[in-house]
Each structure stands twice: as structure tokens, then as C-alpha cells.
Amino acid sequence: MSEPRAGSSAWSVAALVLRVVLGGVFIFAASIKLGDPQGVSEGIQAFRVPGMPDHLIILGSYVLPWTELFAGVALVLGLWTRASALAIAAMLALFIAMVYSIIAREIHAECGCFGKFRLLCEAKKMGWCKVVENSTMLAMALSLVAFGGGRFGLDRVLGNR
């Protein structure tokens, strides 16, 4: 199978689907978190990162949802596609590392990413399914970083590369 070409029609359609799905997931997750900064803070604390100062937990409680929202909206619109996909990929890589960390330390923690809703995994349950779920989204994001957002986005209209 050949590598997708950034300007091909097939890749443009695939990229549009990837952008809308992945961006939509992050917009949805952000919308849940924006209304509950205390819940986000508790979610961050659930990972029990040794030595994490309180001010970083508070900062993360407010920055994470807004970053998810802006990156998700930009991705759906195809605006700064590679940069927004890279931001999402970085968040996903961090989430994967954190989930792996609690699995390795045998810590029971709940995920507040999607509230009471679920994607592939049981709602709120942290475990290997979350690693697979986030790894799938990471692969989607990295494909957009590598090959761009295709023809159907604001990057094309605005002449962004």
C-alpha cells in the first residue's frame, strides 16, 4: 500500500474525517471539563504524581480544557492543522504515560475525560483499554501531523502550509 499524498483527493477526504472525529472528541472532552475545574483538579490528583506542586494542579485544571477546546476547534476547521494535531498528540502521549504510570503502580483511579460518557472504554475506568483508546487517537493525530489536513480546511483557503 502506498503512502498517502498530502494533496490527493483520497487523503483529503480521510484527513477531513480524521480532523472532524478527533477534533470533535477533544471539543466534547473540553466542554465537560470547562464546567468542572474542581473535577479536573481531582482527576489530575488521581494520578498521584510524586512531588507535583499544587499550583501545577490548579494551572492544569484551567489550561488543559482550554487547550483541548482550541486545538479541537482548530483541527475541525483545518486551521493550523499540523500544529493543532501536534498539540493533541502531545496531550495524548502525556495521557498514555500517565495511565501507564497508574497501571504500573497499581493505583485505582477514575478517568474524568468524558464524564459519564464513553468512547471505546467503560466510562471512567482506567486501564489498558484507555491506553489503546488514547493510542488510537494518537495515531490519528500523528497522521495529520505527518501528512497535513488535506484540501478541505482553512489552511488551504488561507494558504497555510
N, C-alpha and C. Protein backbone atom coordinates (compact mmCIF):
# COMPACT_ATOMS: atom_id res chain seq x y z
N MET A 1 0.84 -1.17 0.00
CA MET A 1 0.00 0.00 0.00
C MET A 1 0.88 1.24 0.00
N SER A 2 0.54 2.20 -0.82
CA SER A 2 1.39 3.38 -0.92
C SER A 2 1.04 4.39 0.16
N GLU A 3 2.00 5.23 0.40
CA GLU A 3 1.86 6.29 1.40
C GLU A 3 0.87 7.35 0.89
N PRO A 4 0.02 7.89 1.78
CA PRO A 4 -0.92 8.91 1.31
C PRO A 4 -0.17 10.17 0.86
N ARG A 5 -0.68 10.79 -0.17
CA ARG A 5 -0.10 12.04 -0.63
C ARG A 5 -0.90 13.18 -0.04
N ALA A 6 -0.21 14.19 0.46
CA ALA A 6 -0.87 15.30 1.16
C ALA A 6 -1.93 15.99 0.31
N GLY A 7 -1.77 16.05 -0.99
CA GLY A 7 -2.72 16.78 -1.82
C GLY A 7 -3.76 15.90 -2.51
N SER A 8 -3.68 14.59 -2.32
CA SER A 8 -4.59 13.70 -3.04
C SER A 8 -6.02 13.83 -2.53
N SER A 9 -6.97 13.53 -3.41
CA SER A 9 -8.38 13.58 -3.03
C SER A 9 -8.71 12.57 -1.94
N ALA A 10 -8.16 11.37 -2.07
CA ALA A 10 -8.43 10.32 -1.07
C ALA A 10 -7.92 10.76 0.30
N TRP A 11 -6.69 11.31 0.34
CA TRP A 11 -6.15 11.77 1.61
C TRP A 11 -6.96 12.95 2.15
N SER A 12 -7.39 13.83 1.27
CA SER A 12 -8.17 14.99 1.72
C SER A 12 -9.47 14.56 2.40
N VAL A 13 -10.12 13.55 1.86
CA VAL A 13 -11.35 13.04 2.48
C VAL A 13 -11.02 12.34 3.80
N ALA A 14 -9.98 11.50 3.79
CA ALA A 14 -9.57 10.81 5.02
C ALA A 14 -9.16 11.82 6.09
N ALA A 15 -8.41 12.84 5.69
CA ALA A 15 -7.96 13.86 6.64
C ALA A 15 -9.14 14.62 7.22
N LEU A 16 -10.12 14.92 6.39
CA LEU A 16 -11.33 15.60 6.88
C LEU A 16 -12.02 14.76 7.94
N VAL A 17 -12.18 13.48 7.67
CA VAL A 17 -12.82 12.58 8.64
C VAL A 17 -11.99 12.53 9.93
N LEU A 18 -10.68 12.36 9.80
CA LEU A 18 -9.82 12.32 10.98
C LEU A 18 -9.90 13.61 11.78
N ARG A 19 -9.87 14.74 11.08
CA ARG A 19 -9.93 16.04 11.75
C ARG A 19 -11.23 16.22 12.51
N VAL A 20 -12.35 15.90 11.86
CA VAL A 20 -13.66 16.10 12.48
C VAL A 20 -13.85 15.16 13.67
N VAL A 21 -13.47 13.90 13.50
CA VAL A 21 -13.64 12.93 14.59
C VAL A 21 -12.74 13.29 15.77
N LEU A 22 -11.45 13.45 15.51
CA LEU A 22 -10.50 13.73 16.59
C LEU A 22 -10.77 15.10 17.22
N GLY A 23 -10.97 16.11 16.39
CA GLY A 23 -11.27 17.43 16.92
C GLY A 23 -12.57 17.42 17.71
N GLY A 24 -13.57 16.70 17.20
CA GLY A 24 -14.85 16.61 17.90
C GLY A 24 -14.73 15.96 19.26
N VAL A 25 -13.91 14.91 19.34
CA VAL A 25 -13.68 14.24 20.63
C VAL A 25 -13.07 15.22 21.63
N PHE A 26 -12.09 16.01 21.18
CA PHE A 26 -11.44 16.95 22.08
C PHE A 26 -12.34 18.12 22.44
N ILE A 27 -13.16 18.56 21.53
CA ILE A 27 -14.14 19.62 21.85
C ILE A 27 -15.12 19.10 22.90
N PHE A 28 -15.60 17.88 22.71
CA PHE A 28 -16.54 17.29 23.66
C PHE A 28 -15.90 17.14 25.04
N ALA A 29 -14.69 16.61 25.08
CA ALA A 29 -13.99 16.43 26.36
C ALA A 29 -13.77 17.78 27.05
N ALA A 30 -13.41 18.79 26.27
CA ALA A 30 -13.19 20.12 26.84
C ALA A 30 -14.48 20.70 27.39
N SER A 31 -15.58 20.48 26.68
CA SER A 31 -16.85 21.05 27.14
C SER A 31 -17.27 20.48 28.49
N ILE A 32 -16.95 19.24 28.73
CA ILE A 32 -17.24 18.63 30.03
C ILE A 32 -16.33 19.22 31.11
N LYS A 33 -15.05 19.37 30.80
CA LYS A 33 -14.08 19.85 31.78
C LYS A 33 -14.25 21.34 32.10
N LEU A 34 -14.63 22.14 31.11
CA LEU A 34 -14.75 23.58 31.33
C LEU A 34 -15.78 23.92 32.41
N GLY A 35 -16.79 23.10 32.54
CA GLY A 35 -17.80 23.34 33.55
C GLY A 35 -17.47 22.77 34.92
N ASP A 36 -16.33 22.09 35.02
CA ASP A 36 -16.00 21.42 36.28
C ASP A 36 -14.50 21.45 36.57
N PRO A 37 -13.93 22.64 36.83
CA PRO A 37 -12.50 22.69 37.11
C PRO A 37 -12.10 21.90 38.36
N GLN A 38 -13.00 21.80 39.33
CA GLN A 38 -12.70 21.00 40.53
C GLN A 38 -12.57 19.53 40.15
N GLY A 39 -13.44 19.06 39.28
CA GLY A 39 -13.36 17.67 38.81
C GLY A 39 -12.08 17.42 38.04
N VAL A 40 -11.65 18.39 37.24
CA VAL A 40 -10.39 18.26 36.51
C VAL A 40 -9.23 18.18 37.49
N SER A 41 -9.26 19.04 38.49
CA SER A 41 -8.23 19.02 39.52
C SER A 41 -8.17 17.67 40.23
N GLU A 42 -9.33 17.13 40.58
CA GLU A 42 -9.37 15.81 41.23
C GLU A 42 -8.86 14.73 40.28
N GLY A 43 -9.17 14.87 39.00
CA GLY A 43 -8.67 13.91 38.01
C GLY A 43 -7.16 13.93 37.91
N ILE A 44 -6.59 15.12 37.92
CA ILE A 44 -5.13 15.25 37.88
C ILE A 44 -4.51 14.67 39.14
N GLN A 45 -5.11 14.97 40.28
CA GLN A 45 -4.60 14.45 41.56
C GLN A 45 -4.69 12.93 41.65
N ALA A 46 -5.66 12.34 40.94
CA ALA A 46 -5.84 10.89 40.98
C ALA A 46 -4.63 10.14 40.44
N PHE A 47 -3.84 10.80 39.60
CA PHE A 47 -2.65 10.15 39.06
C PHE A 47 -1.53 10.06 40.08
N ARG A 48 -1.66 10.79 41.18
CA ARG A 48 -0.70 10.76 42.30
C ARG A 48 0.74 10.89 41.83
N VAL A 49 0.99 11.94 41.08
CA VAL A 49 2.35 12.19 40.61
C VAL A 49 3.17 12.68 41.80
N PRO A 50 4.21 11.95 42.16
CA PRO A 50 5.01 12.33 43.33
C PRO A 50 5.62 13.73 43.16
N GLY A 51 5.45 14.55 44.16
CA GLY A 51 6.06 15.87 44.19
C GLY A 51 5.40 16.92 43.31
N MET A 52 4.23 16.63 42.74
CA MET A 52 3.57 17.63 41.89
C MET A 52 3.04 18.75 42.78
N PRO A 53 3.52 19.98 42.55
CA PRO A 53 3.06 21.10 43.39
C PRO A 53 1.61 21.47 43.09
N ASP A 54 0.94 21.98 44.11
CA ASP A 54 -0.46 22.36 43.98
C ASP A 54 -0.70 23.37 42.87
N HIS A 55 0.22 24.32 42.69
CA HIS A 55 0.00 25.35 41.66
C HIS A 55 -0.01 24.74 40.25
N LEU A 56 0.70 23.65 40.03
CA LEU A 56 0.65 23.00 38.72
C LEU A 56 -0.67 22.26 38.52
N ILE A 57 -1.20 21.71 39.58
CA ILE A 57 -2.51 21.04 39.51
C ILE A 57 -3.58 22.08 39.18
N ILE A 58 -3.53 23.22 39.86
CA ILE A 58 -4.51 24.29 39.61
C ILE A 58 -4.36 24.82 38.19
N LEU A 59 -3.12 25.06 37.77
CA LEU A 59 -2.87 25.54 36.41
C LEU A 59 -3.40 24.54 35.38
N GLY A 60 -3.10 23.27 35.57
CA GLY A 60 -3.57 22.24 34.66
C GLY A 60 -5.08 22.14 34.60
N SER A 61 -5.73 22.40 35.72
CA SER A 61 -7.19 22.33 35.78
C SER A 61 -7.86 23.36 34.88
N TYR A 62 -7.17 24.46 34.65
CA TYR A 62 -7.73 25.51 33.80
C TYR A 62 -7.14 25.51 32.39
N VAL A 63 -5.88 25.17 32.26
CA VAL A 63 -5.22 25.21 30.96
C VAL A 63 -5.61 24.01 30.08
N LEU A 64 -5.67 22.83 30.68
CA LEU A 64 -5.96 21.63 29.90
C LEU A 64 -7.27 21.72 29.11
N PRO A 65 -8.40 22.08 29.75
CA PRO A 65 -9.64 22.14 28.97
C PRO A 65 -9.61 23.17 27.83
N TRP A 66 -9.00 24.33 28.09
CA TRP A 66 -8.94 25.36 27.04
C TRP A 66 -8.03 24.92 25.91
N THR A 67 -6.94 24.24 26.23
CA THR A 67 -6.04 23.72 25.19
C THR A 67 -6.77 22.68 24.35
N GLU A 68 -7.51 21.78 25.01
CA GLU A 68 -8.29 20.79 24.27
C GLU A 68 -9.31 21.46 23.36
N LEU A 69 -9.98 22.48 23.88
CA LEU A 69 -11.00 23.18 23.09
C LEU A 69 -10.40 23.88 21.88
N PHE A 70 -9.38 24.69 22.08
CA PHE A 70 -8.78 25.43 20.97
C PHE A 70 -8.17 24.50 19.93
N ALA A 71 -7.45 23.48 20.39
CA ALA A 71 -6.84 22.54 19.44
C ALA A 71 -7.92 21.76 18.69
N GLY A 72 -8.98 21.37 19.38
CA GLY A 72 -10.07 20.64 18.74
C GLY A 72 -10.79 21.47 17.69
N VAL A 73 -11.09 22.72 18.04
CA VAL A 73 -11.78 23.61 17.08
C VAL A 73 -10.89 23.86 15.87
N ALA A 74 -9.61 24.15 16.12
CA ALA A 74 -8.68 24.39 15.01
C ALA A 74 -8.59 23.16 14.11
N LEU A 75 -8.57 21.99 14.72
CA LEU A 75 -8.47 20.76 13.94
C LEU A 75 -9.71 20.55 13.08
N VAL A 76 -10.88 20.75 13.64
CA VAL A 76 -12.13 20.59 12.88
C VAL A 76 -12.15 21.57 11.70
N LEU A 77 -11.73 22.80 11.95
CA LEU A 77 -11.73 23.82 10.90
C LEU A 77 -10.61 23.62 9.88
N GLY A 78 -9.63 22.81 10.22
CA GLY A 78 -8.48 22.66 9.35
C GLY A 78 -7.59 23.89 9.38
N LEU A 79 -7.55 24.53 10.53
CA LEU A 79 -6.75 25.74 10.73
C LEU A 79 -5.53 25.38 11.56
N TRP A 80 -4.35 25.68 11.05
CA TRP A 80 -3.11 25.27 11.71
C TRP A 80 -3.16 23.77 12.02
N THR A 81 -3.54 23.00 11.03
CA THR A 81 -3.81 21.57 11.23
C THR A 81 -2.65 20.83 11.85
N ARG A 82 -1.46 21.00 11.31
CA ARG A 82 -0.32 20.25 11.86
C ARG A 82 -0.02 20.67 13.29
N ALA A 83 -0.08 21.96 13.57
CA ALA A 83 0.19 22.45 14.93
C ALA A 83 -0.87 21.97 15.91
N SER A 84 -2.14 22.04 15.52
CA SER A 84 -3.20 21.60 16.44
C SER A 84 -3.15 20.09 16.63
N ALA A 85 -2.85 19.34 15.56
CA ALA A 85 -2.71 17.89 15.69
C ALA A 85 -1.51 17.53 16.56
N LEU A 86 -0.44 18.32 16.46
CA LEU A 86 0.74 18.09 17.30
C LEU A 86 0.42 18.37 18.77
N ALA A 87 -0.34 19.42 19.04
CA ALA A 87 -0.74 19.73 20.42
C ALA A 87 -1.59 18.58 20.98
N ILE A 88 -2.52 18.08 20.18
CA ILE A 88 -3.36 16.97 20.60
C ILE A 88 -2.51 15.71 20.80
N ALA A 89 -1.57 15.47 19.89
CA ALA A 89 -0.69 14.31 20.03
C ALA A 89 0.13 14.39 21.31
N ALA A 90 0.62 15.59 21.65
CA ALA A 90 1.40 15.76 22.89
C ALA A 90 0.53 15.47 24.11
N MET A 91 -0.71 15.97 24.10
CA MET A 91 -1.61 15.69 25.23
C MET A 91 -1.88 14.20 25.33
N LEU A 92 -2.13 13.55 24.20
CA LEU A 92 -2.41 12.12 24.21
C LEU A 92 -1.21 11.32 24.70
N ALA A 93 -0.01 11.69 24.28
CA ALA A 93 1.19 11.00 24.74
C ALA A 93 1.33 11.13 26.26
N LEU A 94 1.03 12.32 26.78
CA LEU A 94 1.07 12.53 28.23
C LEU A 94 0.00 11.68 28.92
N PHE A 95 -1.21 11.66 28.38
CA PHE A 95 -2.29 10.86 28.96
C PHE A 95 -1.90 9.38 28.98
N ILE A 96 -1.32 8.90 27.87
CA ILE A 96 -0.91 7.49 27.80
C ILE A 96 0.14 7.19 28.86
N ALA A 97 1.12 8.06 28.99
CA ALA A 97 2.16 7.87 30.00
C ALA A 97 1.58 7.86 31.41
N MET A 98 0.63 8.75 31.66
CA MET A 98 0.03 8.84 32.99
C MET A 98 -0.82 7.59 33.29
N VAL A 99 -1.57 7.13 32.31
CA VAL A 99 -2.38 5.92 32.52
C VAL A 99 -1.45 4.72 32.74
N TYR A 100 -0.42 4.63 31.93
CA TYR A 100 0.54 3.53 32.13
C TYR A 100 1.14 3.61 33.53
N SER A 101 1.43 4.81 33.98
CA SER A 101 2.02 5.01 35.31
C SER A 101 1.12 4.47 36.41
N ILE A 102 -0.19 4.75 36.33
CA ILE A 102 -1.06 4.25 37.40
C ILE A 102 -1.27 2.74 37.28
N ILE A 103 -1.22 2.22 36.05
CA ILE A 103 -1.31 0.75 35.89
C ILE A 103 -0.09 0.11 36.53
N ALA A 104 1.09 0.64 36.23
CA ALA A 104 2.34 0.08 36.75
C ALA A 104 2.42 0.18 38.27
N ARG A 105 1.87 1.26 38.83
CA ARG A 105 1.91 1.44 40.29
C ARG A 105 0.69 0.82 40.98
N GLU A 106 -0.16 0.16 40.19
CA GLU A 106 -1.36 -0.50 40.69
C GLU A 106 -2.24 0.44 41.52
N ILE A 107 -2.45 1.63 40.97
CA ILE A 107 -3.31 2.63 41.60
C ILE A 107 -4.67 2.58 40.92
N HIS A 108 -5.71 2.56 41.72
CA HIS A 108 -7.06 2.64 41.16
C HIS A 108 -7.41 4.11 41.01
N ALA A 109 -7.71 4.53 39.80
CA ALA A 109 -8.10 5.92 39.54
C ALA A 109 -9.20 5.93 38.50
N GLU A 110 -10.02 6.94 38.57
CA GLU A 110 -11.10 7.09 37.60
C GLU A 110 -10.73 8.18 36.61
N CYS A 111 -11.17 7.99 35.38
CA CYS A 111 -10.94 8.95 34.32
C CYS A 111 -12.15 9.87 34.21
N GLY A 112 -11.90 11.15 34.21
CA GLY A 112 -12.98 12.11 34.05
C GLY A 112 -13.01 12.73 32.67
N CYS A 113 -12.30 12.12 31.72
CA CYS A 113 -12.14 12.71 30.40
C CYS A 113 -13.46 13.02 29.70
N PHE A 114 -14.40 12.11 29.81
CA PHE A 114 -15.65 12.27 29.08
C PHE A 114 -16.86 12.23 30.01
N GLY A 115 -16.63 12.53 31.27
CA GLY A 115 -17.73 12.49 32.23
C GLY A 115 -18.30 11.09 32.32
N LYS A 116 -19.62 10.97 32.21
CA LYS A 116 -20.27 9.66 32.30
C LYS A 116 -20.35 8.96 30.94
N PHE A 117 -19.82 9.62 29.90
CA PHE A 117 -19.87 9.06 28.56
C PHE A 117 -18.62 8.23 28.30
N ARG A 118 -18.66 7.44 27.24
CA ARG A 118 -17.52 6.60 26.90
C ARG A 118 -17.22 6.67 25.41
N LEU A 119 -15.99 6.38 25.07
CA LEU A 119 -15.61 6.19 23.67
C LEU A 119 -15.52 4.68 23.45
N LEU A 120 -14.31 4.14 23.56
CA LEU A 120 -14.11 2.71 23.38
C LEU A 120 -14.16 1.96 24.71
N CYS A 121 -13.83 2.64 25.78
CA CYS A 121 -13.68 2.01 27.08
C CYS A 121 -14.86 2.31 27.99
N GLU A 122 -14.99 1.48 29.01
CA GLU A 122 -16.00 1.71 30.03
C GLU A 122 -15.79 3.10 30.63
N ALA A 123 -16.88 3.84 30.79
CA ALA A 123 -16.79 5.21 31.31
C ALA A 123 -16.06 5.21 32.65
N LYS A 124 -15.12 6.12 32.78
CA LYS A 124 -14.34 6.38 33.99
C LYS A 124 -13.33 5.32 34.36
N LYS A 125 -13.36 4.14 33.75
CA LYS A 125 -12.42 3.09 34.14
C LYS A 125 -11.06 3.31 33.50
N MET A 126 -10.03 3.32 34.33
CA MET A 126 -8.66 3.49 33.86
C MET A 126 -8.01 2.11 33.74
N GLY A 127 -7.37 1.87 32.64
CA GLY A 127 -6.68 0.60 32.45
C GLY A 127 -6.14 0.51 31.03
N TRP A 128 -5.84 -0.71 30.62
CA TRP A 128 -5.23 -0.92 29.31
C TRP A 128 -6.13 -0.45 28.18
N CYS A 129 -7.44 -0.53 28.38
CA CYS A 129 -8.35 -0.05 27.34
C CYS A 129 -8.13 1.43 27.07
N LYS A 130 -7.87 2.21 28.11
CA LYS A 130 -7.58 3.64 27.94
C LYS A 130 -6.28 3.86 27.18
N VAL A 131 -5.30 3.00 27.41
CA VAL A 131 -4.03 3.10 26.66
C VAL A 131 -4.31 2.86 25.18
N VAL A 132 -5.10 1.84 24.87
CA VAL A 132 -5.43 1.53 23.47
C VAL A 132 -6.26 2.67 22.86
N GLU A 133 -7.26 3.15 23.59
CA GLU A 133 -8.11 4.24 23.11
C GLU A 133 -7.27 5.49 22.79
N ASN A 134 -6.42 5.87 23.72
CA ASN A 134 -5.58 7.05 23.51
C ASN A 134 -4.53 6.82 22.43
N SER A 135 -4.01 5.60 22.33
CA SER A 135 -3.03 5.29 21.29
C SER A 135 -3.66 5.36 19.90
N THR A 136 -4.91 4.95 19.79
CA THR A 136 -5.63 5.05 18.52
C THR A 136 -5.76 6.51 18.11
N MET A 137 -6.16 7.35 19.07
CA MET A 137 -6.28 8.77 18.76
C MET A 137 -4.91 9.40 18.48
N LEU A 138 -3.87 8.92 19.16
CA LEU A 138 -2.51 9.42 18.91
C LEU A 138 -2.09 9.10 17.48
N ALA A 139 -2.39 7.90 17.00
CA ALA A 139 -2.07 7.53 15.61
C ALA A 139 -2.81 8.44 14.63
N MET A 140 -4.06 8.76 14.94
CA MET A 140 -4.83 9.67 14.08
C MET A 140 -4.16 11.04 14.04
N ALA A 141 -3.80 11.55 15.22
CA ALA A 141 -3.17 12.88 15.29
C ALA A 141 -1.83 12.91 14.56
N LEU A 142 -1.03 11.86 14.76
CA LEU A 142 0.29 11.83 14.11
C LEU A 142 0.19 11.73 12.60
N SER A 143 -0.86 11.06 12.10
CA SER A 143 -1.03 11.00 10.64
C SER A 143 -1.34 12.39 10.10
N LEU A 144 -2.09 13.20 10.86
CA LEU A 144 -2.37 14.57 10.44
C LEU A 144 -1.12 15.44 10.53
N VAL A 145 -0.29 15.20 11.53
CA VAL A 145 0.97 15.93 11.63
C VAL A 145 1.85 15.60 10.43
N ALA A 146 1.93 14.32 10.09
CA ALA A 146 2.81 13.88 9.01
C ALA A 146 2.33 14.31 7.63
N PHE A 147 1.03 14.18 7.37
CA PHE A 147 0.53 14.37 6.01
C PHE A 147 -0.32 15.62 5.81
N GLY A 148 -0.61 16.33 6.89
CA GLY A 148 -1.39 17.56 6.78
C GLY A 148 -2.89 17.30 6.77
N GLY A 149 -3.63 18.38 6.69
CA GLY A 149 -5.09 18.32 6.81
C GLY A 149 -5.84 18.16 5.52
N GLY A 150 -5.15 18.02 4.41
CA GLY A 150 -5.83 17.83 3.13
C GLY A 150 -6.37 19.15 2.57
N ARG A 151 -7.16 19.02 1.52
CA ARG A 151 -7.66 20.19 0.79
C ARG A 151 -8.83 20.88 1.46
N PHE A 152 -9.57 20.17 2.31
CA PHE A 152 -10.83 20.69 2.82
C PHE A 152 -10.66 21.31 4.20
N GLY A 153 -10.01 22.45 4.24
CA GLY A 153 -9.81 23.14 5.51
C GLY A 153 -9.36 24.56 5.29
N LEU A 154 -9.33 25.31 6.37
CA LEU A 154 -8.94 26.71 6.28
C LEU A 154 -7.47 26.89 5.94
N ASP A 155 -6.63 25.91 6.25
CA ASP A 155 -5.22 26.02 5.88
C ASP A 155 -5.09 26.21 4.37
N ARG A 156 -5.86 25.46 3.64
CA ARG A 156 -5.82 25.53 2.16
C ARG A 156 -6.33 26.90 1.69
N VAL A 157 -7.44 27.35 2.27
CA VAL A 157 -8.03 28.63 1.88
C VAL A 157 -7.07 29.78 2.18
N LEU A 158 -6.42 29.70 3.36
CA LEU A 158 -5.54 30.78 3.79
C LEU A 158 -4.13 30.64 3.26
N GLY A 159 -3.85 29.53 2.58
CA GLY A 159 -2.52 29.32 2.02
C GLY A 159 -1.49 28.88 3.05
N ASN A 160 -1.94 28.40 4.22
CA ASN A 160 -1.01 27.90 5.24
C ASN A 160 -0.41 26.58 4.79
N ARG A 161 0.84 26.35 5.13
CA ARG A 161 1.49 25.09 4.78
C ARG A 161 1.59 24.21 5.98
